[in-house]
């Protein structure tokens, strides 16, 4: 009889392993599917900073999946959904870790909600929540339930794409009371025709000081971040790029140059000195620098223009406005120098971004 009893225990143990292990594996696979779908749903609204919508979408999507019949995968929107930063890895390197909002990266950057580009979802079936997986055969041997958890992280690529009003290949710095904005070029610039479609991007660090106001996204390089003071405003996304920005092969190809059509008072020793109200007519121009410092200065591009600048650009006052055309028809290229905007200066471009590189 003793041998029979021992044998029966062994048989029940094998049955438990077969039945319950199979159920748990099936349940975990179903939970993983739900986590994958929920993470994708939660990541989609991130570029628009719609985090409430992201949480709702993740919860609803998870709930459309079931572990068993009439047993939906329920998420706690506050505990099971996290937003954070996931940097796109360089070729041949391991994927970097997901860094939740509020945590510190190895480079010292404290991840801000605005730079989040990933959503991590964790499905939990635990005793503490009262929803642990019930065991069937194993209950004969003592255990009544088993805890399960699955995790998925979804990463958002470049979101809005490459529609940037300003690109600084190496770095970007805005200081003072400078700002960027956009407007519908079919109508005059000014309130209420001032919008947040003037995004900036770079391969390096973005430094924003003073009371700079970027009305759009501010996208630093793949391994960098946005360094900004407390009084700075960025209305859009600050997640790092997931690829290296490059200038097109024909970007620096000055052709059809005719500087004679530029206002003579504006062109001094080959440089643009925009300290008054000037209108740049459509055309192709090659200059050795651009300096603008007066608050009352207004430099207006009045049509399709290519401006090549072989030297430094320092805009510390006034406003640069593109009117009468889509911004894609105005291209400003800078090499062998920096592009520094500060003071009380502004860049205002139509809603269709151009290329300032």
Protein backbone atom coordinates (compact mmCIF):
# COMPACT_ATOMS: atom_id res chain seq x y z
CA UNK A 1 0.00 0.00 0.00
CA UNK A 2 2.87 2.34 0.75
CA UNK A 3 4.27 1.81 -2.71
CA UNK A 4 0.86 2.44 -4.24
CA UNK A 5 0.54 5.70 -2.31
CA UNK A 6 3.97 6.86 -3.39
CA UNK A 7 3.17 5.92 -6.96
CA UNK A 8 -0.10 7.85 -6.87
CA UNK A 9 1.71 10.96 -5.65
CA UNK A 10 4.23 10.61 -8.45
CA UNK A 11 1.44 10.19 -11.01
CA UNK A 12 -0.40 13.27 -9.74
CA UNK A 13 2.86 15.23 -9.88
CA UNK A 14 3.37 14.26 -13.52
CA UNK A 15 -0.25 15.11 -14.36
CA UNK A 16 0.15 18.45 -12.59
CA UNK A 17 3.27 19.20 -14.57
CA UNK A 18 1.61 18.32 -17.85
CA UNK A 19 -1.74 20.04 -17.29
CA UNK A 20 -0.79 23.14 -15.34
CA UNK A 21 2.51 23.79 -17.08
CA UNK A 22 0.72 23.66 -20.41
CA UNK A 23 -1.96 26.07 -19.18
CA UNK A 24 0.62 28.47 -17.76
CA UNK A 25 2.63 28.49 -20.97
CA UNK A 26 -0.52 29.16 -22.96
CA UNK A 27 -1.56 31.91 -20.55
CA UNK A 28 1.85 33.57 -20.67
CA UNK A 29 1.85 33.53 -24.47
CA UNK A 30 -1.59 35.18 -24.47
CA UNK A 31 -0.41 37.76 -21.94
CA UNK A 32 2.67 38.50 -24.07
CA UNK A 33 0.49 39.08 -27.10
CA UNK A 34 -1.64 41.49 -25.08
CA UNK A 35 1.47 43.30 -23.78
CA UNK A 36 2.91 43.65 -27.29
CA UNK A 37 -0.33 45.10 -28.64
CA UNK A 38 -0.82 47.42 -25.67
CA UNK A 39 2.73 48.77 -25.89
CA UNK A 40 2.27 49.57 -29.57
CA UNK A 41 -1.03 51.31 -28.86
CA UNK A 42 0.55 53.27 -26.03
CA UNK A 43 3.54 54.36 -28.09
CA UNK A 44 1.64 55.68 -31.09
CA UNK A 45 0.41 58.98 -29.51
CA UNK A 46 3.77 59.82 -27.89
CA UNK A 47 5.10 62.26 -30.56
CA UNK A 48 2.00 64.39 -30.02
CA UNK A 49 2.59 64.36 -26.25
CA UNK A 50 -0.86 62.78 -25.84
CA UNK A 51 0.02 60.65 -22.82
CA UNK A 52 -3.52 60.41 -21.43
CA UNK A 53 -4.65 59.06 -24.78
CA UNK A 54 -1.65 56.71 -24.81
CA UNK A 55 -2.58 55.20 -21.46
CA UNK A 56 -6.22 54.81 -22.47
CA UNK A 57 -5.28 53.17 -25.76
CA UNK A 58 -2.94 50.74 -24.03
CA UNK A 59 -5.55 49.75 -21.44
CA UNK A 60 -8.29 49.30 -24.04
CA UNK A 61 -6.07 47.32 -26.40
CA UNK A 62 -4.91 44.99 -23.63
CA UNK A 63 -8.50 44.41 -22.56
CA UNK A 64 -9.39 43.18 -26.02
CA UNK A 65 -7.12 40.19 -25.41
CA UNK A 66 -8.01 37.29 -23.13
CA UNK A 67 -6.00 34.74 -21.18
CA UNK A 68 -8.88 32.29 -21.00
CA UNK A 69 -12.56 32.52 -21.99
CA UNK A 70 -14.12 35.68 -20.52
CA UNK A 71 -10.83 36.50 -18.81
CA UNK A 72 -9.48 39.76 -20.33
CA UNK A 73 -5.94 41.01 -19.72
CA UNK A 74 -6.56 44.00 -17.44
CA UNK A 75 -3.94 46.75 -17.01
CA UNK A 76 -3.58 49.21 -14.17
CA UNK A 77 -3.03 52.44 -16.09
CA UNK A 78 -0.81 53.91 -13.36
CA UNK A 79 1.28 50.87 -12.40
CA UNK A 80 1.50 48.81 -15.58
CA UNK A 81 2.23 51.50 -18.18
CA UNK A 82 5.53 53.40 -18.24
CA UNK A 83 6.91 56.00 -20.61
CA UNK A 84 10.60 56.47 -21.11
CA UNK A 85 13.56 56.83 -23.44
CA UNK A 86 14.96 54.13 -25.67
CA UNK A 87 17.94 55.21 -27.76
CA UNK A 88 18.36 53.69 -31.19
CA UNK A 89 21.54 51.57 -31.05
CA UNK A 90 24.50 52.14 -33.32
CA UNK A 91 25.16 49.41 -35.88
CA UNK A 92 26.63 46.31 -34.28
CA UNK A 93 25.92 47.35 -30.70
CA UNK A 94 23.47 45.94 -28.19
CA UNK A 95 20.16 47.67 -27.71
CA UNK A 96 20.36 50.29 -24.94
CA UNK A 97 18.08 49.86 -21.94
CA UNK A 98 14.70 51.46 -21.53
CA UNK A 99 15.13 54.42 -19.16
CA UNK A 100 11.85 55.45 -17.48
CA UNK A 101 10.84 59.10 -17.16
CA UNK A 102 12.51 60.63 -14.12
CA UNK A 103 15.48 58.25 -14.21
CA UNK A 104 19.06 59.27 -14.99
CA UNK A 105 20.92 58.08 -18.09
CA UNK A 106 24.62 57.22 -18.05
CA UNK A 107 25.34 60.62 -19.66
CA UNK A 108 23.74 62.41 -16.71
CA UNK A 109 20.54 63.31 -18.54
CA UNK A 110 17.38 63.06 -16.42
CA UNK A 111 14.72 61.72 -18.76
CA UNK A 112 11.87 64.20 -19.16
CA UNK A 113 8.37 63.22 -20.22
CA UNK A 114 8.71 65.37 -23.36
CA UNK A 115 11.63 63.30 -24.59
CA UNK A 116 9.95 59.94 -24.03
CA UNK A 117 9.86 57.85 -27.18
CA UNK A 118 8.87 54.45 -25.81
CA UNK A 119 6.07 52.79 -23.90
CA UNK A 120 6.67 49.80 -21.63
CA UNK A 121 3.72 47.64 -20.60
CA UNK A 122 3.80 44.94 -17.92
CA UNK A 123 0.92 42.49 -17.55
CA UNK A 124 0.67 41.05 -14.03
CA UNK A 125 -1.35 38.11 -12.75
CA UNK A 126 -0.36 37.96 -9.08
CA UNK A 127 -1.69 36.96 -5.68
CA UNK A 128 -1.30 40.56 -4.51
CA UNK A 129 -3.76 41.66 -7.18
CA UNK A 130 -6.10 38.79 -6.61
CA UNK A 131 -5.81 37.58 -10.19
CA UNK A 132 -3.05 34.96 -9.99
CA UNK A 133 -3.46 32.02 -12.37
CA UNK A 134 -5.46 29.23 -10.73
CA UNK A 135 -3.87 25.80 -10.86
CA UNK A 136 -5.89 22.64 -11.48
CA UNK A 137 -4.04 19.38 -10.92
CA UNK A 138 -1.28 20.91 -8.80
CA UNK A 139 -3.82 21.94 -6.17
CA UNK A 140 -3.89 18.32 -5.01
CA UNK A 141 -0.24 18.74 -4.04
CA UNK A 142 -0.75 22.08 -2.27
CA UNK A 143 -0.14 25.12 -4.57
CA UNK A 144 -3.39 26.88 -5.46
CA UNK A 145 -2.18 29.66 -7.77
CA UNK A 146 0.84 30.81 -9.76
CA UNK A 147 2.06 34.37 -10.44
CA UNK A 148 2.75 35.37 -14.05
CA UNK A 149 4.07 38.58 -15.65
CA UNK A 150 5.02 39.62 -19.18
CA UNK A 151 6.61 42.83 -20.44
CA UNK A 152 6.77 44.55 -23.83
CA UNK A 153 8.36 47.81 -24.94
CA UNK A 154 7.35 49.65 -28.11
CA UNK A 155 9.59 52.34 -29.55
CA UNK A 156 8.47 55.27 -31.71
CA UNK A 157 10.63 56.09 -34.70
CA UNK A 158 10.97 59.66 -35.96
CA UNK A 159 7.26 60.35 -35.69
CA UNK A 160 6.69 63.39 -37.86
CA UNK A 161 9.61 62.55 -40.12
CA UNK A 162 12.13 65.10 -41.36
CA UNK A 163 9.85 68.14 -41.54
CA UNK A 164 12.24 70.47 -39.74
CA UNK A 165 12.41 74.23 -40.17
CA UNK A 166 15.99 74.34 -38.91
CA UNK A 167 18.73 71.70 -38.97
CA UNK A 168 22.16 72.25 -37.43
CA UNK A 169 24.26 69.23 -38.36
CA UNK A 170 26.70 69.58 -35.44
CA UNK A 171 24.78 71.41 -32.71
CA UNK A 172 22.10 74.05 -32.06
CA UNK A 173 22.08 76.91 -29.58
CA UNK A 174 19.31 79.43 -28.92
CA UNK A 175 19.64 82.00 -26.15
CA UNK A 176 18.09 85.26 -24.94
CA UNK A 177 14.48 85.83 -25.94
CA UNK A 178 14.76 84.05 -29.28
CA UNK A 179 12.00 81.91 -30.68
CA UNK A 180 10.82 79.94 -33.68
CA UNK A 181 7.26 79.64 -34.94
CA UNK A 182 5.28 78.91 -38.08
CA UNK A 183 2.23 80.24 -39.91
CA UNK A 184 -0.06 79.52 -42.84
CA UNK A 185 1.66 81.28 -45.73
CA UNK A 186 -1.65 81.84 -47.50
CA UNK A 187 -2.45 84.48 -44.89
CA UNK A 188 -0.51 87.31 -43.23
CA UNK A 189 1.81 86.41 -40.39
CA UNK A 190 0.57 87.38 -36.94
CA UNK A 191 -1.89 86.38 -34.26
CA UNK A 192 -3.99 84.22 -34.65
CA UNK A 193 -1.94 82.93 -37.59
CA UNK A 194 1.03 81.82 -35.45
CA UNK A 195 1.49 78.09 -34.95
CA UNK A 196 3.81 75.42 -33.57
CA UNK A 197 5.19 73.89 -36.75
CA UNK A 198 8.74 75.22 -36.56
CA UNK A 199 10.77 72.24 -35.38
CA UNK A 200 14.55 72.01 -35.03
CA UNK A 201 16.96 69.06 -35.19
CA UNK A 202 20.66 68.24 -34.98
CA UNK A 203 23.17 65.40 -34.67
CA UNK A 204 24.46 66.83 -31.42
CA UNK A 205 23.44 68.78 -28.36
CA UNK A 206 20.62 71.32 -28.35
CA UNK A 207 21.24 74.15 -25.87
CA UNK A 208 18.31 76.42 -25.10
CA UNK A 209 18.83 79.31 -22.69
CA UNK A 210 17.14 82.49 -21.55
CA UNK A 211 13.46 82.50 -22.40
CA UNK A 212 13.80 80.72 -25.73
CA UNK A 213 10.49 79.54 -27.16
CA UNK A 214 10.63 76.69 -29.69
CA UNK A 215 7.17 76.31 -31.14
CA UNK A 216 7.61 72.81 -32.45
CA UNK A 217 9.84 69.82 -31.77
CA UNK A 218 13.47 70.05 -30.59
CA UNK A 219 15.23 66.82 -31.66
CA UNK A 220 18.83 66.29 -30.49
CA UNK A 221 21.28 63.74 -31.89
CA UNK A 222 21.03 59.99 -31.33
CA UNK A 223 23.34 60.07 -28.31
CA UNK A 224 22.53 63.56 -27.05
CA UNK A 225 19.74 65.52 -25.39
CA UNK A 226 18.19 68.98 -24.97
CA UNK A 227 19.92 71.09 -22.33
CA UNK A 228 17.52 73.89 -21.39
CA UNK A 229 17.01 76.37 -18.60
CA UNK A 230 13.86 76.59 -16.50
CA UNK A 231 12.35 79.49 -18.47
CA UNK A 232 12.60 77.78 -21.86
CA UNK A 233 9.47 76.58 -23.67
CA UNK A 234 9.35 73.73 -26.19
CA UNK A 235 5.83 73.01 -27.36
CA UNK A 236 6.63 69.68 -29.00
CA UNK A 237 8.71 66.53 -28.73
CA UNK A 238 12.34 66.44 -27.51
CA UNK A 239 13.18 62.77 -28.14
CA UNK A 240 16.57 62.09 -29.77
CA UNK A 241 16.81 61.28 -33.46
CA UNK A 242 17.09 57.64 -34.47
CA UNK A 243 19.36 58.30 -37.45
CA UNK A 244 22.18 60.62 -38.44
CA UNK A 245 21.20 63.76 -40.31
CA UNK A 246 23.21 64.42 -43.45
CA UNK A 247 23.24 67.18 -46.02
CA UNK A 248 22.39 66.13 -49.56
CA UNK A 249 25.33 65.80 -51.91
CA UNK A 250 24.21 68.80 -53.92
CA UNK A 251 23.32 71.00 -50.94
CA UNK A 252 26.47 73.10 -51.30
CA UNK A 253 26.37 73.84 -55.00
CA UNK A 254 26.06 77.60 -55.49
CA UNK A 255 24.77 78.21 -58.98
CA UNK A 256 23.10 81.11 -60.74
CA UNK A 257 24.46 83.55 -58.13
CA UNK A 258 23.30 87.16 -58.52
CA UNK A 259 24.03 89.20 -55.39
CA UNK A 260 23.31 92.40 -57.28
CA UNK A 261 19.59 92.04 -56.56
CA UNK A 262 20.17 92.12 -52.80
CA UNK A 263 19.54 95.48 -51.09
CA UNK A 264 22.91 97.30 -51.24
CA UNK A 265 22.59 98.59 -47.67
CA UNK A 266 22.22 95.02 -46.43
CA UNK A 267 25.28 93.52 -48.14
CA UNK A 268 28.52 94.77 -46.56
CA UNK A 269 31.89 93.29 -47.56
CA UNK A 270 30.18 90.17 -48.79
CA UNK A 271 28.19 89.67 -45.59
CA UNK A 272 24.53 90.19 -44.81
CA UNK A 273 24.14 92.83 -42.10
CA UNK A 274 20.43 92.76 -41.42
CA UNK A 275 20.03 95.61 -38.95
CA UNK A 276 17.13 97.28 -40.71
CA UNK A 277 13.96 96.25 -42.53
CA UNK A 278 14.99 94.44 -45.71
CA UNK A 279 13.21 92.28 -48.26
CA UNK A 280 15.22 89.58 -50.00
CA UNK A 281 13.79 89.00 -53.48
CA UNK A 282 13.63 85.50 -54.98
CA UNK A 283 17.00 84.33 -56.26
CA UNK A 284 20.31 82.57 -55.56
CA UNK A 285 22.83 84.28 -53.27
CA UNK A 286 26.31 83.51 -51.90
CA UNK A 287 27.59 85.48 -48.89
CA UNK A 288 30.41 85.10 -46.33
CA UNK A 289 28.32 85.64 -43.20
CA UNK A 290 25.13 86.98 -41.66
CA UNK A 291 24.91 89.30 -38.69
CA UNK A 292 21.72 90.74 -37.24
CA UNK A 293 21.47 92.38 -33.83
CA UNK A 294 18.87 95.16 -33.73
CA UNK A 295 15.52 94.29 -32.16
CA UNK A 296 13.71 96.33 -34.83
CA UNK A 297 15.32 94.49 -37.73
CA UNK A 298 13.14 92.40 -40.03
CA UNK A 299 14.60 90.27 -42.81
CA UNK A 300 11.91 88.92 -45.13
CA UNK A 301 12.33 86.24 -47.79
CA UNK A 302 9.73 87.08 -50.41
CA UNK A 303 9.80 84.01 -52.63
CA UNK A 304 11.82 80.94 -53.69
CA UNK A 305 15.39 81.52 -52.52
CA UNK A 306 18.67 79.65 -52.14
CA UNK A 307 21.09 81.35 -49.74
CA UNK A 308 24.57 79.87 -49.30
CA UNK A 309 26.54 81.24 -46.34
CA UNK A 310 30.26 80.44 -46.17
CA UNK A 311 30.91 81.62 -42.62
CA UNK A 312 29.26 82.48 -39.32
CA UNK A 313 25.63 83.37 -38.71
CA UNK A 314 24.86 85.46 -35.61
CA UNK A 315 21.25 86.52 -35.15
CA UNK A 316 20.86 88.37 -31.86
CA UNK A 317 17.81 90.51 -32.57
CA UNK A 318 14.92 91.17 -34.90
CA UNK A 319 12.96 88.69 -36.93
CA UNK A 320 13.44 86.51 -40.00
CA UNK A 321 10.19 85.86 -41.87
CA UNK A 322 9.41 83.77 -44.94
CA UNK A 323 6.36 85.08 -46.79
CA UNK A 324 4.56 84.62 -50.07
CA UNK A 325 5.74 81.05 -50.63
CA UNK A 326 5.92 77.62 -49.08
CA UNK A 327 8.95 77.34 -46.84
CA UNK A 328 10.24 74.39 -48.87
CA UNK A 329 11.17 76.94 -51.54
CA UNK A 330 13.52 78.78 -49.17
CA UNK A 331 16.78 76.98 -48.41
CA UNK A 332 19.60 78.38 -46.30
CA UNK A 333 22.90 76.49 -46.22
CA UNK A 334 25.76 77.25 -43.82
CA UNK A 335 29.30 75.87 -43.83
CA UNK A 336 32.67 76.78 -42.25
CA UNK A 337 30.93 78.57 -39.42
CA UNK A 338 28.29 78.44 -36.72
CA UNK A 339 24.61 79.37 -36.58
CA UNK A 340 23.94 81.16 -33.31
CA UNK A 341 20.53 82.68 -32.50
CA UNK A 342 19.93 84.69 -29.36
CA UNK A 343 18.89 88.07 -28.01
CA UNK A 344 15.37 89.06 -29.01
CA UNK A 345 15.38 87.25 -32.34
CA UNK A 346 12.79 85.11 -34.08
CA UNK A 347 12.51 82.67 -36.98
CA UNK A 348 9.03 82.53 -38.51
CA UNK A 349 8.40 80.07 -41.33
CA UNK A 350 5.28 78.86 -43.15
CA UNK A 351 3.60 75.69 -42.01
CA UNK A 352 5.38 73.63 -44.66
CA UNK A 353 8.93 73.44 -43.26
CA UNK A 354 11.91 74.41 -45.37
CA UNK A 355 15.52 73.38 -45.07
CA UNK A 356 17.90 75.42 -43.04
CA UNK A 357 21.09 73.41 -42.72
